[in-house]
PDB file of N, CA and C in Angstrom:
ATOM      1  N   MET A   1      95.620 113.359 114.084  1.00  0.00           N
ATOM      2  CA  MET A   1      94.973 112.779 112.922  1.00  0.00           C
ATOM      3  C   MET A   1      93.496 113.100 113.023  1.00  0.00           C
ATOM      4  N   GLY A   2      92.987 113.832 112.063  1.00  0.00           N
ATOM      5  CA  GLY A   2      91.601 114.242 112.091  1.00  0.00           C
ATOM      6  C   GLY A   2      90.715 113.323 111.281  1.00  0.00           C
ATOM      7  N   GLU A   3      89.449 113.669 111.225  1.00  0.00           N
ATOM      8  CA  GLU A   3      88.482 112.845 110.500  1.00  0.00           C
ATOM      9  C   GLU A   3      88.810 112.686 109.012  1.00  0.00           C
ATOM     10  N   PRO A   4      89.275 113.729 108.297  1.00  0.00           N
ATOM     11  CA  PRO A   4      89.622 113.509 106.891  1.00  0.00           C
ATOM     12  C   PRO A   4      90.697 112.444 106.716  1.00  0.00           C
ATOM     13  N   ASP A   5      91.632 112.380 107.664  1.00  0.00           N
ATOM     14  CA  ASP A   5      92.689 111.374 107.594  1.00  0.00           C
ATOM     15  C   ASP A   5      92.120 109.977 107.794  1.00  0.00           C
ATOM     16  N   VAL A   6      91.187 109.844 108.730  1.00  0.00           N
ATOM     17  CA  VAL A   6      90.536 108.554 108.964  1.00  0.00           C
ATOM     18  C   VAL A   6      89.738 108.161 107.737  1.00  0.00           C
ATOM     19  N   VAL A   7      89.078 109.125 107.108  1.00  0.00           N
ATOM     20  CA  VAL A   7      88.311 108.847 105.890  1.00  0.00           C
ATOM     21  C   VAL A   7      89.235 108.335 104.792  1.00  0.00           C
ATOM     22  N   TYR A   8      90.427 108.913 104.659  1.00  0.00           N
ATOM     23  CA  TYR A   8      91.384 108.439 103.653  1.00  0.00           C
ATOM     24  C   TYR A   8      91.732 106.975 103.901  1.00  0.00           C
ATOM     25  N   VAL A   9      91.998 106.631 105.142  1.00  0.00           N
ATOM     26  CA  VAL A   9      92.387 105.255 105.461  1.00  0.00           C
ATOM     27  C   VAL A   9      91.225 104.299 105.220  1.00  0.00           C
ATOM     28  N   VAL A  10      90.016 104.714 105.546  1.00  0.00           N
ATOM     29  CA  VAL A  10      88.842 103.864 105.317  1.00  0.00           C
ATOM     30  C   VAL A  10      88.664 103.623 103.819  1.00  0.00           C
ATOM     31  N   ARG A  11      88.902 104.630 103.013  1.00  0.00           N
ATOM     32  CA  ARG A  11      88.759 104.487 101.560  1.00  0.00           C
ATOM     33  C   ARG A  11      89.931 103.741 100.929  1.00  0.00           C
ATOM     34  N   ASN A  12      91.053 103.652 101.650  1.00  0.00           N
ATOM     35  CA  ASN A  12      92.253 102.978 101.141  1.00  0.00           C
ATOM     36  C   ASN A  12      92.755 101.977 102.175  1.00  0.00           C
ATOM     37  N   PRO A  13      91.998 100.908 102.420  1.00  0.00           N
ATOM     38  CA  PRO A  13      92.425  99.943 103.447  1.00  0.00           C
ATOM     39  C   PRO A  13      93.750  99.292 103.076  1.00  0.00           C
ATOM     40  N   GLY A  14      94.519  99.001 104.098  1.00  0.00           N
ATOM     41  CA  GLY A  14      95.813  98.373 103.882  1.00  0.00           C
ATOM     42  C   GLY A  14      96.927  99.360 103.626  1.00  0.00           C
ATOM     43  N   ALA A  15      96.647 100.651 103.792  1.00  0.00           N
ATOM     44  CA  ALA A  15      97.668 101.669 103.555  1.00  0.00           C
ATOM     45  C   ALA A  15      98.667 101.696 104.710  1.00  0.00           C
ATOM     46  N   SER A  16      99.923 101.886 104.383  1.00  0.00           N
ATOM     47  CA  SER A  16     100.953 102.025 105.415  1.00  0.00           C
ATOM     48  C   SER A  16     101.066 103.504 105.788  1.00  0.00           C
ATOM     49  N   VAL A  17     101.798 103.784 106.848  1.00  0.00           N
ATOM     50  CA  VAL A  17     101.987 105.169 107.276  1.00  0.00           C
ATOM     51  C   VAL A  17     102.649 105.979 106.166  1.00  0.00           C
ATOM     52  N   GLU A  18     103.611 105.397 105.483  1.00  0.00           N
ATOM     53  CA  GLU A  18     104.293 106.098 104.400  1.00  0.00           C
ATOM     54  C   GLU A  18     103.329 106.453 103.272  1.00  0.00           C
ATOM     55  N   GLN A  19     102.437 105.536 102.928  1.00  0.00           N
ATOM     56  CA  GLN A  19     101.458 105.797 101.872  1.00  0.00           C
ATOM     57  C   GLN A  19     100.476 106.885 102.292  1.00  0.00           C
ATOM     58  N   ILE A  20     100.085 106.876 103.557  1.00  0.00           N
ATOM     59  CA  ILE A  20      99.156 107.888 104.061  1.00  0.00           C
ATOM     60  C   ILE A  20      99.807 109.266 104.027  1.00  0.00           C
ATOM     61  N   THR A  21     101.060 109.366 104.475  1.00  0.00           N
ATOM     62  CA  THR A  21     101.737 110.666 104.471  1.00  0.00           C
ATOM     63  C   THR A  21     102.009 111.161 103.058  1.00  0.00           C
ATOM     64  N   ASP A  22     102.293 110.254 102.131  1.00  0.00           N
ATOM     65  CA  ASP A  22     102.482 110.660 100.739  1.00  0.00           C
ATOM     66  C   ASP A  22     101.192 111.249 100.170  1.00  0.00           C
ATOM     67  N   ALA A  23     100.076 110.633 100.494  1.00  0.00           N
ATOM     68  CA  ALA A  23      98.793 111.086  99.967  1.00  0.00           C
ATOM     69  C   ALA A  23      98.333 112.389 100.618  1.00  0.00           C
ATOM     70  N   LEU A  24      98.581 112.544 101.910  1.00  0.00           N
ATOM     71  CA  LEU A  24      98.090 113.710 102.639  1.00  0.00           C
ATOM     72  C   LEU A  24      99.120 114.821 102.750  1.00  0.00           C
ATOM     73  N   GLY A  25     100.359 114.514 102.449  1.00  0.00           N
ATOM     74  CA  GLY A  25     101.429 115.493 102.595  1.00  0.00           C
ATOM     75  C   GLY A  25     101.912 115.517 104.037  1.00  0.00           C
ATOM     76  N   GLY A  26     103.153 115.861 104.224  1.00  0.00           N
ATOM     77  CA  GLY A  26     103.704 115.904 105.572  1.00  0.00           C
ATOM     78  C   GLY A  26     104.761 114.844 105.758  1.00  0.00           C
ATOM     79  N   ALA A  27     105.240 114.763 106.982  1.00  0.00           N
ATOM     80  CA  ALA A  27     106.309 113.830 107.305  1.00  0.00           C
ATOM     81  C   ALA A  27     105.755 112.613 108.032  1.00  0.00           C
ATOM     82  N   THR A  28     106.389 111.473 107.824  1.00  0.00           N
ATOM     83  CA  THR A  28     105.963 110.232 108.462  1.00  0.00           C
ATOM     84  C   THR A  28     105.994 110.366 109.977  1.00  0.00           C
ATOM     85  N   LYS A  29     107.048 110.972 110.500  1.00  0.00           N
ATOM     86  CA  LYS A  29     107.173 111.093 111.958  1.00  0.00           C
ATOM     87  C   LYS A  29     106.050 111.920 112.565  1.00  0.00           C
ATOM     88  N   ASP A  30     105.433 112.817 111.791  1.00  0.00           N
ATOM     89  CA  ASP A  30     104.346 113.644 112.304  1.00  0.00           C
ATOM     90  C   ASP A  30     103.025 112.896 112.393  1.00  0.00           C
ATOM     91  N   LEU A  31     102.870 111.822 111.648  1.00  0.00           N
ATOM     92  CA  LEU A  31     101.609 111.070 111.664  1.00  0.00           C
ATOM     93  C   LEU A  31     101.675 109.771 112.451  1.00  0.00           C
ATOM     94  N   GLN A  32     102.857 109.311 112.814  1.00  0.00           N
ATOM     95  CA  GLN A  32     102.960 108.028 113.499  1.00  0.00           C
ATOM     96  C   GLN A  32     102.196 108.013 114.815  1.00  0.00           C
ATOM     97  N   LEU A  33     102.415 108.979 115.686  1.00  0.00           N
ATOM     98  CA  LEU A  33     101.747 109.011 116.981  1.00  0.00           C
ATOM     99  C   LEU A  33     100.237 109.212 116.849  1.00  0.00           C
ATOM    100  N   PRO A  34      99.761 110.134 115.999  1.00  0.00           N
ATOM    101  CA  PRO A  34      98.311 110.244 115.832  1.00  0.00           C
ATOM    102  C   PRO A  34      97.657 108.951 115.337  1.00  0.00           C
ATOM    103  N   ILE A  35      98.343 108.213 114.481  1.00  0.00           N
ATOM    104  CA  ILE A  35      97.785 106.948 113.993  1.00  0.00           C
ATOM    105  C   ILE A  35      97.708 105.943 115.136  1.00  0.00           C
ATOM    106  N   VAL A  36      98.731 105.895 115.973  1.00  0.00           N
ATOM    107  CA  VAL A  36      98.710 105.000 117.133  1.00  0.00           C
ATOM    108  C   VAL A  36      97.530 105.348 118.039  1.00  0.00           C
ATOM    109  N   ARG A  37      97.260 106.631 118.222  1.00  0.00           N
ATOM    110  CA  ARG A  37      96.134 107.058 119.069  1.00  0.00           C
ATOM    111  C   ARG A  37      94.789 106.664 118.471  1.00  0.00           C
ATOM    112  N   VAL A  38      94.647 106.798 117.167  1.00  0.00           N
ATOM    113  CA  VAL A  38      93.387 106.431 116.510  1.00  0.00           C
ATOM    114  C   VAL A  38      93.181 104.919 116.578  1.00  0.00           C
ATOM    115  N   VAL A  39      94.250 104.151 116.430  1.00  0.00           N
ATOM    116  CA  VAL A  39      94.155 102.695 116.550  1.00  0.00           C
ATOM    117  C   VAL A  39      93.786 102.320 117.983  1.00  0.00           C
ATOM    118  N   ALA A  40      94.366 103.018 118.968  1.00  0.00           N
ATOM    119  CA  ALA A  40      94.047 102.747 120.373  1.00  0.00           C
ATOM    120  C   ALA A  40      92.591 103.083 120.684  1.00  0.00           C
ATOM    121  N   ALA A  41      92.038 104.078 119.999  1.00  0.00           N
ATOM    122  CA  ALA A  41      90.633 104.450 120.183  1.00  0.00           C
ATOM    123  C   ALA A  41      89.699 103.516 119.411  1.00  0.00           C
ATOM    124  N   LYS A  42      90.287 102.572 118.688  1.00  0.00           N
ATOM    125  CA  LYS A  42      89.568 101.555 117.918  1.00  0.00           C
ATOM    126  C   LYS A  42      88.737 102.127 116.773  1.00  0.00           C
ATOM    127  N   LYS A  43      89.190 103.258 116.234  1.00  0.00           N
ATOM    128  CA  LYS A  43      88.565 103.799 115.022  1.00  0.00           C
ATOM    129  C   LYS A  43      89.147 103.123 113.791  1.00  0.00           C
ATOM    130  N   LEU A  44      90.392 102.647 113.914  1.00  0.00           N
ATOM    131  CA  LEU A  44      91.072 101.917 112.848  1.00  0.00           C
ATOM    132  C   LEU A  44      91.701 100.677 113.444  1.00  0.00           C
ATOM    133  N   THR A  45      92.036  99.729 112.579  1.00  0.00           N
ATOM    134  CA  THR A  45      92.763  98.550 113.031  1.00  0.00           C
ATOM    135  C   THR A  45      94.130  98.537 112.352  1.00  0.00           C
ATOM    136  N   ALA A  46      95.105  97.982 113.030  1.00  0.00           N
ATOM    137  CA  ALA A  46      96.458  97.879 112.486  1.00  0.00           C
ATOM    138  C   ALA A  46      96.803  96.401 112.349  1.00  0.00           C
ATOM    139  N   THR A  47      97.454  96.077 111.248  1.00  0.00           N
ATOM    140  CA  THR A  47      97.870  94.710 110.977  1.00  0.00           C
ATOM    141  C   THR A  47      99.364  94.708 110.717  1.00  0.00           C
ATOM    142  N   GLY A  48     100.066  93.748 111.277  1.00  0.00           N
ATOM    143  CA  GLY A  48     101.500  93.651 111.061  1.00  0.00           C
ATOM    144  C   GLY A  48     102.269  94.176 112.252  1.00  0.00           C
ATOM    145  N   GLN A  49     103.567  94.131 112.138  1.00  0.00           N
ATOM    146  CA  GLN A  49     104.429  94.576 113.221  1.00  0.00           C
ATOM    147  C   GLN A  49     105.470  95.552 112.702  1.00  0.00           C
ATOM    148  N   THR A  50     105.742  96.555 113.477  1.00  0.00           N
ATOM    149  CA  THR A  50     106.777  97.544 113.248  1.00  0.00           C
ATOM    150  C   THR A  50     106.757  98.095 111.829  1.00  0.00           C
ATOM    151  N   ARG A  51     107.681  97.723 110.978  1.00  0.00           N
ATOM    152  CA  ARG A  51     107.797  98.323 109.654  1.00  0.00           C
ATOM    153  C   ARG A  51     106.746  97.837 108.676  1.00  0.00           C
ATOM    154  N   GLY A  52     106.142  96.700 108.936  1.00  0.00           N
ATOM    155  CA  GLY A  52     105.162  96.163 108.006  1.00  0.00           C
ATOM    156  C   GLY A  52     103.725  96.469 108.383  1.00  0.00           C
ATOM    157  N   THR A  53     103.507  97.416 109.275  1.00  0.00           N
ATOM    158  CA  THR A  53     102.168  97.698 109.767  1.00  0.00           C
ATOM    159  C   THR A  53     101.339  98.422 108.703  1.00  0.00           C
ATOM    160  N   THR A  54     100.125  97.934 108.495  1.00  0.00           N
ATOM    161  CA  THR A  54      99.169  98.593 107.627  1.00  0.00           C
ATOM    162  C   THR A  54      97.917  98.888 108.426  1.00  0.00           C
ATOM    163  N   THR A  55      97.158  99.861 107.985  1.00  0.00           N
ATOM    164  CA  THR A  55      95.927 100.247 108.691  1.00  0.00           C
ATOM    165  C   THR A  55      94.725  99.980 107.824  1.00  0.00           C
ATOM    166  N   SER A  56      93.616  99.766 108.474  1.00  0.00           N
ATOM    167  CA  SER A  56      92.353  99.601 107.749  1.00  0.00           C
ATOM    168  C   SER A  56      91.212  99.951 108.669  1.00  0.00           C
TER     169      SER A  56
END
């Protein structure tokens, strides 16, 4: 997940992984791990559990 992807999430808080992949193109499974890494680096925050997780 690169900086443009982080910028998308910052501009669209509360987006789920499915919404992010729809907007950026690609498969959900390809973005799940990069999003987890960005959240672990504390560039984004995640709210919710498992299927209901949103990012901001």
